[in-house]
Amino acid sequence: SESESHWKWVAGDPKMTYSHWSSGQGPSQSGFLFSDGGHEDCALMKIHDGFRWHDYECSLFLYHYSFICQHDKLVHSHTHHTNGQHGSTTVFIPQTFPDTTPLSTDAPIP
């Protein structure tokens, strides 16, 4: 989740207009192991629950699911090199972009 109880798509859409949370999961839940839900920042789809979404604490050792986790933006950079009258200059220019790599599945939406 972006911040507690506020989930967003990787592409950065400001509001999730589609969701498929299981009962008691996601923004409307109060937490599985943590009463405030404050550590449940990873989401997963459970096959045995109609591919409904569940959120869990990302490093919970009791569960061995593959998660879609919140993460910081990826930092990309490039170097700009110029030659001038008084010598050459190399400038390192960091740029921050969200990771918008699409994920796909062959499973039908229930």
PDB file of N, CA and C in Angstrom:
ATOM      1  N   SER A   1       0.840  -1.175   0.000  1.00  0.00           N
ATOM      2  CA  SER A   1       0.000   0.000   0.000  1.00  0.00           C
ATOM      3  C   SER A   1       0.881   1.232   0.000  1.00  0.00           C
ATOM      4  N   GLU A   2       0.377   2.298  -0.590  1.00  0.00           N
ATOM      5  CA  GLU A   2       1.126   3.552  -0.651  1.00  0.00           C
ATOM      6  C   GLU A   2       1.309   4.104   0.751  1.00  0.00           C
ATOM      7  N   SER A   3       0.248   4.187   1.489  1.00  0.00           N
ATOM      8  CA  SER A   3       0.258   4.487   2.913  1.00  0.00           C
ATOM      9  C   SER A   3      -0.866   3.642   3.488  1.00  0.00           C
ATOM     10  N   GLU A   4      -0.921   3.514   4.784  1.00  0.00           N
ATOM     11  CA  GLU A   4      -1.869   2.572   5.375  1.00  0.00           C
ATOM     12  C   GLU A   4      -3.284   2.819   4.871  1.00  0.00           C
ATOM     13  N   SER A   5      -3.911   1.766   4.386  1.00  0.00           N
ATOM     14  CA  SER A   5      -5.282   1.751   3.855  1.00  0.00           C
ATOM     15  C   SER A   5      -5.440   2.494   2.538  1.00  0.00           C
ATOM     16  N   HIS A   6      -4.347   2.882   1.894  1.00  0.00           N
ATOM     17  CA  HIS A   6      -4.417   3.576   0.609  1.00  0.00           C
ATOM     18  C   HIS A   6      -3.589   2.795  -0.406  1.00  0.00           C
ATOM     19  N   TRP A   7      -4.270   2.014  -1.219  1.00  0.00           N
ATOM     20  CA  TRP A   7      -3.608   1.178  -2.220  1.00  0.00           C
ATOM     21  C   TRP A   7      -3.679   1.877  -3.556  1.00  0.00           C
ATOM     22  N   LYS A   8      -2.641   1.711  -4.388  1.00  0.00           N
ATOM     23  CA  LYS A   8      -2.673   2.287  -5.728  1.00  0.00           C
ATOM     24  C   LYS A   8      -1.979   1.346  -6.696  1.00  0.00           C
ATOM     25  N   TRP A   9      -2.261   1.527  -7.965  1.00  0.00           N
ATOM     26  CA  TRP A   9      -1.657   0.715  -9.012  1.00  0.00           C
ATOM     27  C   TRP A   9      -0.218   1.140  -9.222  1.00  0.00           C
ATOM     28  N   VAL A  10       0.613   0.231  -9.750  1.00  0.00           N
ATOM     29  CA  VAL A  10       2.021   0.515 -10.014  1.00  0.00           C
ATOM     30  C   VAL A  10       2.169   1.688 -10.974  1.00  0.00           C
ATOM     31  N   ALA A  11       1.262   1.819 -11.924  1.00  0.00           N
ATOM     32  CA  ALA A  11       1.336   2.908 -12.894  1.00  0.00           C
ATOM     33  C   ALA A  11       1.106   4.265 -12.250  1.00  0.00           C
ATOM     34  N   GLY A  12       0.714   4.296 -10.985  1.00  0.00           N
ATOM     35  CA  GLY A  12       0.566   5.550 -10.269  1.00  0.00           C
ATOM     36  C   GLY A  12      -0.793   6.195 -10.393  1.00  0.00           C
ATOM     37  N   ASP A  13      -1.774   5.479 -10.927  1.00  0.00           N
ATOM     38  CA  ASP A  13      -3.114   6.052 -11.003  1.00  0.00           C
ATOM     39  C   ASP A  13      -3.512   6.536  -9.617  1.00  0.00           C
ATOM     40  N   PRO A  14      -4.062   7.737  -9.526  1.00  0.00           N
ATOM     41  CA  PRO A  14      -4.328   8.312  -8.206  1.00  0.00           C
ATOM     42  C   PRO A  14      -5.356   7.561  -7.370  1.00  0.00           C
ATOM     43  N   LYS A  15      -6.243   6.831  -8.004  1.00  0.00           N
ATOM     44  CA  LYS A  15      -7.270   6.128  -7.251  1.00  0.00           C
ATOM     45  C   LYS A  15      -7.531   4.773  -7.899  1.00  0.00           C
ATOM     46  N   MET A  16      -7.652   3.756  -7.071  1.00  0.00           N
ATOM     47  CA  MET A  16      -7.994   2.439  -7.599  1.00  0.00           C
ATOM     48  C   MET A  16      -9.497   2.381  -7.824  1.00  0.00           C
ATOM     49  N   THR A  17      -9.913   2.277  -9.083  1.00  0.00           N
ATOM     50  CA  THR A  17     -11.342   2.176  -9.370  1.00  0.00           C
ATOM     51  C   THR A  17     -11.776   0.725  -9.488  1.00  0.00           C
ATOM     52  N   TYR A  18     -10.811  -0.196  -9.581  1.00  0.00           N
ATOM     53  CA  TYR A  18     -11.121  -1.622  -9.617  1.00  0.00           C
ATOM     54  C   TYR A  18     -10.406  -2.291  -8.464  1.00  0.00           C
ATOM     55  N   SER A  19     -11.117  -3.136  -7.766  1.00  0.00           N
ATOM     56  CA  SER A  19     -10.474  -3.947  -6.730  1.00  0.00           C
ATOM     57  C   SER A  19     -11.243  -5.255  -6.609  1.00  0.00           C
ATOM     58  N   HIS A  20     -10.582  -6.237  -6.043  1.00  0.00           N
ATOM     59  CA  HIS A  20     -11.194  -7.557  -5.893  1.00  0.00           C
ATOM     60  C   HIS A  20     -10.786  -8.133  -4.535  1.00  0.00           C
ATOM     61  N   TRP A  21     -10.888  -7.286  -3.486  1.00  0.00           N
ATOM     62  CA  TRP A  21     -10.492  -7.693  -2.143  1.00  0.00           C
ATOM     63  C   TRP A  21     -11.434  -8.764  -1.607  1.00  0.00           C
ATOM     64  N   SER A  22     -10.882  -9.718  -0.917  1.00  0.00           N
ATOM     65  CA  SER A  22     -11.682 -10.710  -0.207  1.00  0.00           C
ATOM     66  C   SER A  22     -12.281 -10.038   1.026  1.00  0.00           C
ATOM     67  N   SER A  23     -13.332 -10.609   1.550  1.00  0.00           N
ATOM     68  CA  SER A  23     -13.978 -10.064   2.741  1.00  0.00           C
ATOM     69  C   SER A  23     -12.968  -9.933   3.881  1.00  0.00           C
ATOM     70  N   GLY A  24     -12.928  -8.779   4.511  1.00  0.00           N
ATOM     71  CA  GLY A  24     -12.024  -8.543   5.632  1.00  0.00           C
ATOM     72  C   GLY A  24     -10.608  -8.207   5.230  1.00  0.00           C
ATOM     73  N   GLN A  25     -10.358  -7.978   3.941  1.00  0.00           N
ATOM     74  CA  GLN A  25      -9.015  -7.673   3.450  1.00  0.00           C
ATOM     75  C   GLN A  25      -8.979  -6.267   2.861  1.00  0.00           C
ATOM     76  N   GLY A  26      -7.771  -5.761   2.653  1.00  0.00           N
ATOM     77  CA  GLY A  26      -7.599  -4.478   1.985  1.00  0.00           C
ATOM     78  C   GLY A  26      -7.944  -3.296   2.856  1.00  0.00           C
ATOM     79  N   PRO A  27      -8.346  -2.192   2.230  1.00  0.00           N
ATOM     80  CA  PRO A  27      -8.570  -0.947   2.961  1.00  0.00           C
ATOM     81  C   PRO A  27      -9.648  -1.027   4.041  1.00  0.00           C
ATOM     82  N   SER A  28     -10.570  -1.963   3.913  1.00  0.00           N
ATOM     83  CA  SER A  28     -11.670  -2.035   4.881  1.00  0.00           C
ATOM     84  C   SER A  28     -11.367  -2.933   6.067  1.00  0.00           C
ATOM     85  N   GLN A  29     -10.203  -3.547   6.108  1.00  0.00           N
ATOM     86  CA  GLN A  29      -9.895  -4.516   7.164  1.00  0.00           C
ATOM     87  C   GLN A  29      -9.175  -3.862   8.331  1.00  0.00           C
ATOM     88  N   SER A  30      -9.131  -4.576   9.439  1.00  0.00           N
ATOM     89  CA  SER A  30      -8.470  -4.053  10.635  1.00  0.00           C
ATOM     90  C   SER A  30      -7.177  -4.784  10.946  1.00  0.00           C
ATOM     91  N   GLY A  31      -6.757  -5.694  10.106  1.00  0.00           N
ATOM     92  CA  GLY A  31      -5.491  -6.385  10.323  1.00  0.00           C
ATOM     93  C   GLY A  31      -5.673  -7.846  10.645  1.00  0.00           C
ATOM     94  N   PHE A  32      -4.720  -8.645  10.204  1.00  0.00           N
ATOM     95  CA  PHE A  32      -4.747 -10.088  10.443  1.00  0.00           C
ATOM     96  C   PHE A  32      -4.013 -10.394  11.746  1.00  0.00           C
ATOM     97  N   LEU A  33      -2.735 -10.130  11.770  1.00  0.00           N
ATOM     98  CA  LEU A  33      -1.963 -10.319  12.998  1.00  0.00           C
ATOM     99  C   LEU A  33      -1.771  -9.016  13.756  1.00  0.00           C
ATOM    100  N   PHE A  34      -1.922  -7.905  13.054  1.00  0.00           N
ATOM    101  CA  PHE A  34      -1.718  -6.594  13.659  1.00  0.00           C
ATOM    102  C   PHE A  34      -3.059  -5.874  13.660  1.00  0.00           C
ATOM    103  N   SER A  35      -3.533  -5.468  14.811  1.00  0.00           N
ATOM    104  CA  SER A  35      -4.892  -4.942  14.928  1.00  0.00           C
ATOM    105  C   SER A  35      -5.131  -3.698  14.094  1.00  0.00           C
ATOM    106  N   ASP A  36      -4.091  -2.922  13.806  1.00  0.00           N
ATOM    107  CA  ASP A  36      -4.302  -1.713  13.014  1.00  0.00           C
ATOM    108  C   ASP A  36      -4.061  -1.927  11.524  1.00  0.00           C
ATOM    109  N   GLY A  37      -3.657  -3.138  11.119  1.00  0.00           N
ATOM    110  CA  GLY A  37      -3.370  -3.395   9.711  1.00  0.00           C
ATOM    111  C   GLY A  37      -2.153  -2.644   9.215  1.00  0.00           C
ATOM    112  N   GLY A  38      -1.397  -2.041  10.115  1.00  0.00           N
ATOM    113  CA  GLY A  38      -0.310  -1.145   9.765  1.00  0.00           C
ATOM    114  C   GLY A  38       0.908  -1.773   9.142  1.00  0.00           C
ATOM    115  N   HIS A  39       0.998  -3.076   9.104  1.00  0.00           N
ATOM    116  CA  HIS A  39       2.172  -3.719   8.530  1.00  0.00           C
ATOM    117  C   HIS A  39       1.823  -4.567   7.314  1.00  0.00           C
ATOM    118  N   GLU A  40       0.606  -4.512   6.868  1.00  0.00           N
ATOM    119  CA  GLU A  40       0.160  -5.362   5.762  1.00  0.00           C
ATOM    120  C   GLU A  40       0.234  -4.581   4.451  1.00  0.00           C
ATOM    121  N   ASP A  41       1.456  -4.464   3.923  1.00  0.00           N
ATOM    122  CA  ASP A  41       1.706  -3.650   2.742  1.00  0.00           C
ATOM    123  C   ASP A  41       1.877  -4.457   1.465  1.00  0.00           C
ATOM    124  N   CYS A  42       1.712  -5.777   1.524  1.00  0.00           N
ATOM    125  CA  CYS A  42       1.849  -6.618   0.334  1.00  0.00           C
ATOM    126  C   CYS A  42       0.512  -7.261   0.001  1.00  0.00           C
ATOM    127  N   ALA A  43       0.231  -7.359  -1.291  1.00  0.00           N
ATOM    128  CA  ALA A  43      -1.032  -7.941  -1.748  1.00  0.00           C
ATOM    129  C   ALA A  43      -0.759  -9.210  -2.538  1.00  0.00           C
ATOM    130  N   LEU A  44      -1.714 -10.136  -2.480  1.00  0.00           N
ATOM    131  CA  LEU A  44      -1.617 -11.369  -3.249  1.00  0.00           C
ATOM    132  C   LEU A  44      -3.007 -11.790  -3.688  1.00  0.00           C
ATOM    133  N   MET A  45      -3.063 -12.645  -4.701  1.00  0.00           N
ATOM    134  CA  MET A  45      -4.322 -13.223  -5.153  1.00  0.00           C
ATOM    135  C   MET A  45      -4.319 -14.684  -4.747  1.00  0.00           C
ATOM    136  N   LYS A  46      -5.370 -15.120  -4.077  1.00  0.00           N
ATOM    137  CA  LYS A  46      -5.463 -16.518  -3.661  1.00  0.00           C
ATOM    138  C   LYS A  46      -6.326 -17.293  -4.656  1.00  0.00           C
ATOM    139  N   ILE A  47      -5.734 -18.318  -5.237  1.00  0.00           N
ATOM    140  CA  ILE A  47      -6.453 -19.161  -6.193  1.00  0.00           C
ATOM    141  C   ILE A  47      -7.670 -19.788  -5.532  1.00  0.00           C
ATOM    142  N   HIS A  48      -7.493 -20.261  -4.300  1.00  0.00           N
ATOM    143  CA  HIS A  48      -8.565 -20.973  -3.603  1.00  0.00           C
ATOM    144  C   HIS A  48      -9.628 -20.045  -3.023  1.00  0.00           C
ATOM    145  N   ASP A  49      -9.501 -18.751  -3.294  1.00  0.00           N
ATOM    146  CA  ASP A  49     -10.513 -17.787  -2.871  1.00  0.00           C
ATOM    147  C   ASP A  49     -10.992 -17.001  -4.094  1.00  0.00           C
ATOM    148  N   GLY A  50     -11.091 -17.694  -5.221  1.00  0.00           N
ATOM    149  CA  GLY A  50     -11.597 -17.060  -6.436  1.00  0.00           C
ATOM    150  C   GLY A  50     -10.709 -15.943  -6.948  1.00  0.00           C
ATOM    151  N   PHE A  51      -9.405 -16.042  -6.729  1.00  0.00           N
ATOM    152  CA  PHE A  51      -8.432 -15.027  -7.120  1.00  0.00           C
ATOM    153  C   PHE A  51      -8.705 -13.683  -6.455  1.00  0.00           C
ATOM    154  N   ARG A  52      -9.380 -13.725  -5.308  1.00  0.00           N
ATOM    155  CA  ARG A  52      -9.610 -12.486  -4.566  1.00  0.00           C
ATOM    156  C   ARG A  52      -8.302 -12.039  -3.930  1.00  0.00           C
ATOM    157  N   TRP A  53      -8.219 -10.735  -3.684  1.00  0.00           N
ATOM    158  CA  TRP A  53      -6.999 -10.136  -3.160  1.00  0.00           C
ATOM    159  C   TRP A  53      -6.960 -10.236  -1.642  1.00  0.00           C
ATOM    160  N   HIS A  54      -5.778 -10.470  -1.114  1.00  0.00           N
ATOM    161  CA  HIS A  54      -5.515 -10.498   0.329  1.00  0.00           C
ATOM    162  C   HIS A  54      -4.282  -9.647   0.587  1.00  0.00           C
ATOM    163  N   ASP A  55      -4.229  -9.008   1.730  1.00  0.00           N
ATOM    164  CA  ASP A  55      -3.010  -8.287   2.088  1.00  0.00           C
ATOM    165  C   ASP A  55      -2.406  -8.901   3.341  1.00  0.00           C
ATOM    166  N   TYR A  56      -1.094  -8.957   3.352  1.00  0.00           N
ATOM    167  CA  TYR A  56      -0.333  -9.550   4.452  1.00  0.00           C
ATOM    168  C   TYR A  56       0.902  -8.711   4.715  1.00  0.00           C
ATOM    169  N   GLU A  57       1.515  -8.978   5.836  1.00  0.00           N
ATOM    170  CA  GLU A  57       2.808  -8.379   6.160  1.00  0.00           C
ATOM    171  C   GLU A  57       3.819  -8.984   5.189  1.00  0.00           C
ATOM    172  N   CYS A  58       4.657  -8.169   4.588  1.00  0.00           N
ATOM    173  CA  CYS A  58       5.522  -8.611   3.479  1.00  0.00           C
ATOM    174  C   CYS A  58       6.528  -9.694   3.849  1.00  0.00           C
ATOM    175  N   SER A  59       7.009  -9.728   5.070  1.00  0.00           N
ATOM    176  CA  SER A  59       8.051 -10.698   5.418  1.00  0.00           C
ATOM    177  C   SER A  59       7.572 -11.743   6.417  1.00  0.00           C
ATOM    178  N   LEU A  60       6.294 -12.028   6.421  1.00  0.00           N
ATOM    179  CA  LEU A  60       5.748 -13.008   7.349  1.00  0.00           C
ATOM    180  C   LEU A  60       6.227 -14.405   6.967  1.00  0.00           C
ATOM    181  N   PHE A  61       7.008 -15.026   7.820  1.00  0.00           N
ATOM    182  CA  PHE A  61       7.647 -16.297   7.485  1.00  0.00           C
ATOM    183  C   PHE A  61       6.679 -17.476   7.439  1.00  0.00           C
ATOM    184  N   LEU A  62       5.487 -17.346   8.005  1.00  0.00           N
ATOM    185  CA  LEU A  62       4.531 -18.451   8.023  1.00  0.00           C
ATOM    186  C   LEU A  62       3.884 -18.693   6.661  1.00  0.00           C
ATOM    187  N   TYR A  63       3.916 -17.691   5.814  1.00  0.00           N
ATOM    188  CA  TYR A  63       3.263 -17.787   4.513  1.00  0.00           C
ATOM    189  C   TYR A  63       4.309 -17.779   3.419  1.00  0.00           C
ATOM    190  N   HIS A  64       4.123 -18.632   2.435  1.00  0.00           N
ATOM    191  CA  HIS A  64       5.079 -18.739   1.342  1.00  0.00           C
ATOM    192  C   HIS A  64       4.391 -18.392   0.027  1.00  0.00           C
ATOM    193  N   TYR A  65       3.881 -17.182  -0.046  1.00  0.00           N
ATOM    194  CA  TYR A  65       3.219 -16.701  -1.244  1.00  0.00           C
ATOM    195  C   TYR A  65       4.160 -15.773  -1.994  1.00  0.00           C
ATOM    196  N   SER A  66       3.910 -15.619  -3.271  1.00  0.00           N
ATOM    197  CA  SER A  66       4.591 -14.578  -4.033  1.00  0.00           C
ATOM    198  C   SER A  66       3.765 -13.316  -3.870  1.00  0.00           C
ATOM    199  N   PHE A  67       4.402 -12.232  -3.521  1.00  0.00           N
ATOM    200  CA  PHE A  67       3.704 -10.991  -3.240  1.00  0.00           C
ATOM    201  C   PHE A  67       3.918  -9.959  -4.327  1.00  0.00           C
ATOM    202  N   ILE A  68       2.965  -9.049  -4.413  1.00  0.00           N
ATOM    203  CA  ILE A  68       3.146  -7.803  -5.142  1.00  0.00           C
ATOM    204  C   ILE A  68       3.333  -6.776  -4.040  1.00  0.00           C
ATOM    205  N   CYS A  69       4.524  -6.227  -3.932  1.00  0.00           N
ATOM    206  CA  CYS A  69       4.853  -5.404  -2.768  1.00  0.00           C
ATOM    207  C   CYS A  69       5.011  -3.934  -3.119  1.00  0.00           C
ATOM    208  N   GLN A  70       4.792  -3.099  -2.105  1.00  0.00           N
ATOM    209  CA  GLN A  70       5.106  -1.696  -2.281  1.00  0.00           C
ATOM    210  C   GLN A  70       6.618  -1.575  -2.350  1.00  0.00           C
ATOM    211  N   HIS A  71       7.096  -0.600  -3.091  1.00  0.00           N
ATOM    212  CA  HIS A  71       8.534  -0.393  -3.203  1.00  0.00           C
ATOM    213  C   HIS A  71       8.797   1.047  -3.583  1.00  0.00           C
ATOM    214  N   ASP A  72      10.021   1.484  -3.370  1.00  0.00           N
ATOM    215  CA  ASP A  72      10.409   2.828  -3.762  1.00  0.00           C
ATOM    216  C   ASP A  72      10.508   2.900  -5.278  1.00  0.00           C
ATOM    217  N   LYS A  73      10.439   4.123  -5.789  1.00  0.00           N
ATOM    218  CA  LYS A  73      10.599   4.319  -7.217  1.00  0.00           C
ATOM    219  C   LYS A  73      12.019   3.937  -7.619  1.00  0.00           C
ATOM    220  N   LEU A  74      12.162   3.439  -8.836  1.00  0.00           N
ATOM    221  CA  LEU A  74      13.481   3.106  -9.353  1.00  0.00           C
ATOM    222  C   LEU A  74      14.182   4.377  -9.805  1.00  0.00           C
ATOM    223  N   VAL A  75      15.462   4.458  -9.556  1.00  0.00           N
ATOM    224  CA  VAL A  75      16.230   5.629  -9.962  1.00  0.00           C
ATOM    225  C   VAL A  75      17.071   5.259 -11.178  1.00  0.00           C
ATOM    226  N   HIS A  76      16.852   5.979 -12.252  1.00  0.00           N
ATOM    227  CA  HIS A  76      17.636   5.816 -13.469  1.00  0.00           C
ATOM    228  C   HIS A  76      18.513   7.059 -13.601  1.00  0.00           C
ATOM    229  N   SER A  77      19.588   6.958 -14.289  1.00  0.00           N
ATOM    230  CA  SER A  77      20.454   8.117 -14.446  1.00  0.00           C
ATOM    231  C   SER A  77      21.137   8.083 -15.803  1.00  0.00           C
ATOM    232  N   HIS A  78      21.658   9.216 -16.177  1.00  0.00           N
ATOM    233  CA  HIS A  78      22.496   9.270 -17.361  1.00  0.00           C
ATOM    234  C   HIS A  78      23.604  10.286 -17.116  1.00  0.00           C
ATOM    235  N   THR A  79      24.644  10.187 -17.904  1.00  0.00           N
ATOM    236  CA  THR A  79      25.789  11.074 -17.767  1.00  0.00           C
ATOM    237  C   THR A  79      25.843  11.984 -18.981  1.00  0.00           C
ATOM    238  N   HIS A  80      26.044  13.264 -18.724  1.00  0.00           N
ATOM    239  CA  HIS A  80      26.137  14.250 -19.794  1.00  0.00           C
ATOM    240  C   HIS A  80      27.578  14.746 -19.833  1.00  0.00           C
ATOM    241  N   HIS A  81      28.228  14.620 -20.974  1.00  0.00           N
ATOM    242  CA  HIS A  81      29.635  15.002 -21.120  1.00  0.00           C
ATOM    243  C   HIS A  81      29.724  16.142 -22.126  1.00  0.00           C
ATOM    244  N   THR A  82      30.388  17.227 -21.753  1.00  0.00           N
ATOM    245  CA  THR A  82      30.563  18.351 -22.673  1.00  0.00           C
ATOM    246  C   THR A  82      32.037  18.716 -22.781  1.00  0.00           C
ATOM    247  N   ASN A  83      32.437  19.122 -23.959  1.00  0.00           N
ATOM    248  CA  ASN A  83      33.784  19.641 -24.198  1.00  0.00           C
ATOM    249  C   ASN A  83      33.655  21.129 -24.480  1.00  0.00           C
ATOM    250  N   GLY A  84      34.418  21.927 -23.787  1.00  0.00           N
ATOM    251  CA  GLY A  84      34.348  23.368 -23.972  1.00  0.00           C
ATOM    252  C   GLY A  84      35.725  23.978 -24.114  1.00  0.00           C
ATOM    253  N   GLN A  85      35.743  25.289 -24.193  1.00  0.00           N
ATOM    254  CA  GLN A  85      36.975  26.047 -24.371  1.00  0.00           C
ATOM    255  C   GLN A  85      37.935  25.840 -23.198  1.00  0.00           C
ATOM    256  N   HIS A  86      37.410  25.635 -22.005  1.00  0.00           N
ATOM    257  CA  HIS A  86      38.237  25.514 -20.806  1.00  0.00           C
ATOM    258  C   HIS A  86      38.354  24.077 -20.307  1.00  0.00           C
ATOM    259  N   GLY A  87      38.080  23.114 -21.139  1.00  0.00           N
ATOM    260  CA  GLY A  87      38.184  21.718 -20.736  1.00  0.00           C
ATOM    261  C   GLY A  87      36.864  20.991 -20.898  1.00  0.00           C
ATOM    262  N   SER A  88      36.785  19.820 -20.308  1.00  0.00           N
ATOM    263  CA  SER A  88      35.563  19.021 -20.424  1.00  0.00           C
ATOM    264  C   SER A  88      34.918  18.847 -19.052  1.00  0.00           C
ATOM    265  N   THR A  89      33.623  18.613 -19.082  1.00  0.00           N
ATOM    266  CA  THR A  89      32.853  18.430 -17.858  1.00  0.00           C
ATOM    267  C   THR A  89      31.945  17.221 -18.026  1.00  0.00           C
ATOM    268  N   THR A  90      31.869  16.411 -17.002  1.00  0.00           N
ATOM    269  CA  THR A  90      30.950  15.281 -16.989  1.00  0.00           C
ATOM    270  C   THR A  90      29.986  15.481 -15.835  1.00  0.00           C
ATOM    271  N   VAL A  91      28.703  15.429 -16.125  1.00  0.00           N
ATOM    272  CA  VAL A  91      27.671  15.650 -15.113  1.00  0.00           C
ATOM    273  C   VAL A  91      26.824  14.388 -14.993  1.00  0.00           C
ATOM    274  N   PHE A  92      26.635  13.905 -13.778  1.00  0.00           N
ATOM    275  CA  PHE A  92      25.776  12.756 -13.487  1.00  0.00           C
ATOM    276  C   PHE A  92      24.386  13.299 -13.168  1.00  0.00           C
ATOM    277  N   ILE A  93      23.368  12.886 -13.923  1.00  0.00           N
ATOM    278  CA  ILE A  93      22.014  13.415 -13.753  1.00  0.00           C
ATOM    279  C   ILE A  93      21.075  12.279 -13.358  1.00  0.00           C
ATOM    280  N   PRO A  94      20.683  12.207 -12.061  1.00  0.00           N
ATOM    281  CA  PRO A  94      19.730  11.162 -11.654  1.00  0.00           C
ATOM    282  C   PRO A  94      18.312  11.535 -12.067  1.00  0.00           C
ATOM    283  N   GLN A  95      17.533  10.555 -12.470  1.00  0.00           N
ATOM    284  CA  GLN A  95      16.129  10.748 -12.802  1.00  0.00           C
ATOM    285  C   GLN A  95      15.335   9.646 -12.129  1.00  0.00           C
ATOM    286  N   THR A  96      14.202   9.987 -11.573  1.00  0.00           N
ATOM    287  CA  THR A  96      13.370   9.014 -10.879  1.00  0.00           C
ATOM    288  C   THR A  96      12.127   8.720 -11.704  1.00  0.00           C
ATOM    289  N   PHE A  97      11.881   7.440 -11.939  1.00  0.00           N
ATOM    290  CA  PHE A  97      10.713   7.001 -12.688  1.00  0.00           C
ATOM    291  C   PHE A  97      10.036   5.880 -11.914  1.00  0.00           C
ATOM    292  N   PRO A  98       8.716   5.818 -11.928  1.00  0.00           N
ATOM    293  CA  PRO A  98       8.066   4.660 -11.307  1.00  0.00           C
ATOM    294  C   PRO A  98       8.299   3.421 -12.157  1.00  0.00           C
ATOM    295  N   ASP A  99       8.331   2.283 -11.514  1.00  0.00           N
ATOM    296  CA  ASP A  99       8.443   1.018 -12.236  1.00  0.00           C
ATOM    297  C   ASP A  99       7.058   0.666 -12.759  1.00  0.00           C
ATOM    298  N   THR A 100       6.879   0.744 -14.070  1.00  0.00           N
ATOM    299  CA  THR A 100       5.563   0.479 -14.665  1.00  0.00           C
ATOM    300  C   THR A 100       5.581  -0.793 -15.497  1.00  0.00           C
ATOM    301  N   THR A 101       6.449  -1.727 -15.130  1.00  0.00           N
ATOM    302  CA  THR A 101       6.508  -2.990 -15.841  1.00  0.00           C
ATOM    303  C   THR A 101       5.187  -3.731 -15.669  1.00  0.00           C
ATOM    304  N   PRO A 102       4.481  -4.019 -16.760  1.00  0.00           N
ATOM    305  CA  PRO A 102       3.184  -4.697 -16.610  1.00  0.00           C
ATOM    306  C   PRO A 102       3.353  -6.149 -16.171  1.00  0.00           C
ATOM    307  N   LEU A 103       2.435  -6.596 -15.371  1.00  0.00           N
ATOM    308  CA  LEU A 103       2.377  -7.989 -14.954  1.00  0.00           C
ATOM    309  C   LEU A 103       1.151  -8.600 -15.609  1.00  0.00           C
ATOM    310  N   SER A 104       1.214  -9.875 -15.937  1.00  0.00           N
ATOM    311  CA  SER A 104       0.067 -10.483 -16.606  1.00  0.00           C
ATOM    312  C   SER A 104      -0.213 -11.862 -16.043  1.00  0.00           C
ATOM    313  N   THR A 105      -1.415 -12.327 -16.327  1.00  0.00           N
ATOM    314  CA  THR A 105      -1.826 -13.665 -15.940  1.00  0.00           C
ATOM    315  C   THR A 105      -2.764 -14.203 -17.005  1.00  0.00           C
ATOM    316  N   ASP A 106      -2.827 -15.512 -17.110  1.00  0.00           N
ATOM    317  CA  ASP A 106      -3.753 -16.144 -18.044  1.00  0.00           C
ATOM    318  C   ASP A 106      -5.066 -16.513 -17.368  1.00  0.00           C
ATOM    319  N   ALA A 107      -5.158 -16.274 -16.080  1.00  0.00           N
ATOM    320  CA  ALA A 107      -6.355 -16.654 -15.327  1.00  0.00           C
ATOM    321  C   ALA A 107      -7.502 -15.694 -15.631  1.00  0.00           C
ATOM    322  N   PRO A 108      -8.701 -16.209 -15.802  1.00  0.00           N
ATOM    323  CA  PRO A 108      -9.854 -15.338 -16.052  1.00  0.00           C
ATOM    324  C   PRO A 108     -10.261 -14.596 -14.788  1.00  0.00           C
ATOM    325  N   ILE A 109     -10.837 -13.425 -14.966  1.00  0.00           N
ATOM    326  CA  ILE A 109     -11.377 -12.671 -13.839  1.00  0.00           C
ATOM    327  C   ILE A 109     -12.702 -13.305 -13.464  1.00  0.00           C
ATOM    328  N   PRO A 110     -12.853 -13.704 -12.195  1.00  0.00           N
ATOM    329  CA  PRO A 110     -14.095 -14.386 -11.797  1.00  0.00           C
ATOM    330  C   PRO A 110     -15.292 -13.455 -11.824  1.00  0.00           C
TER     331      PRO A 110
END
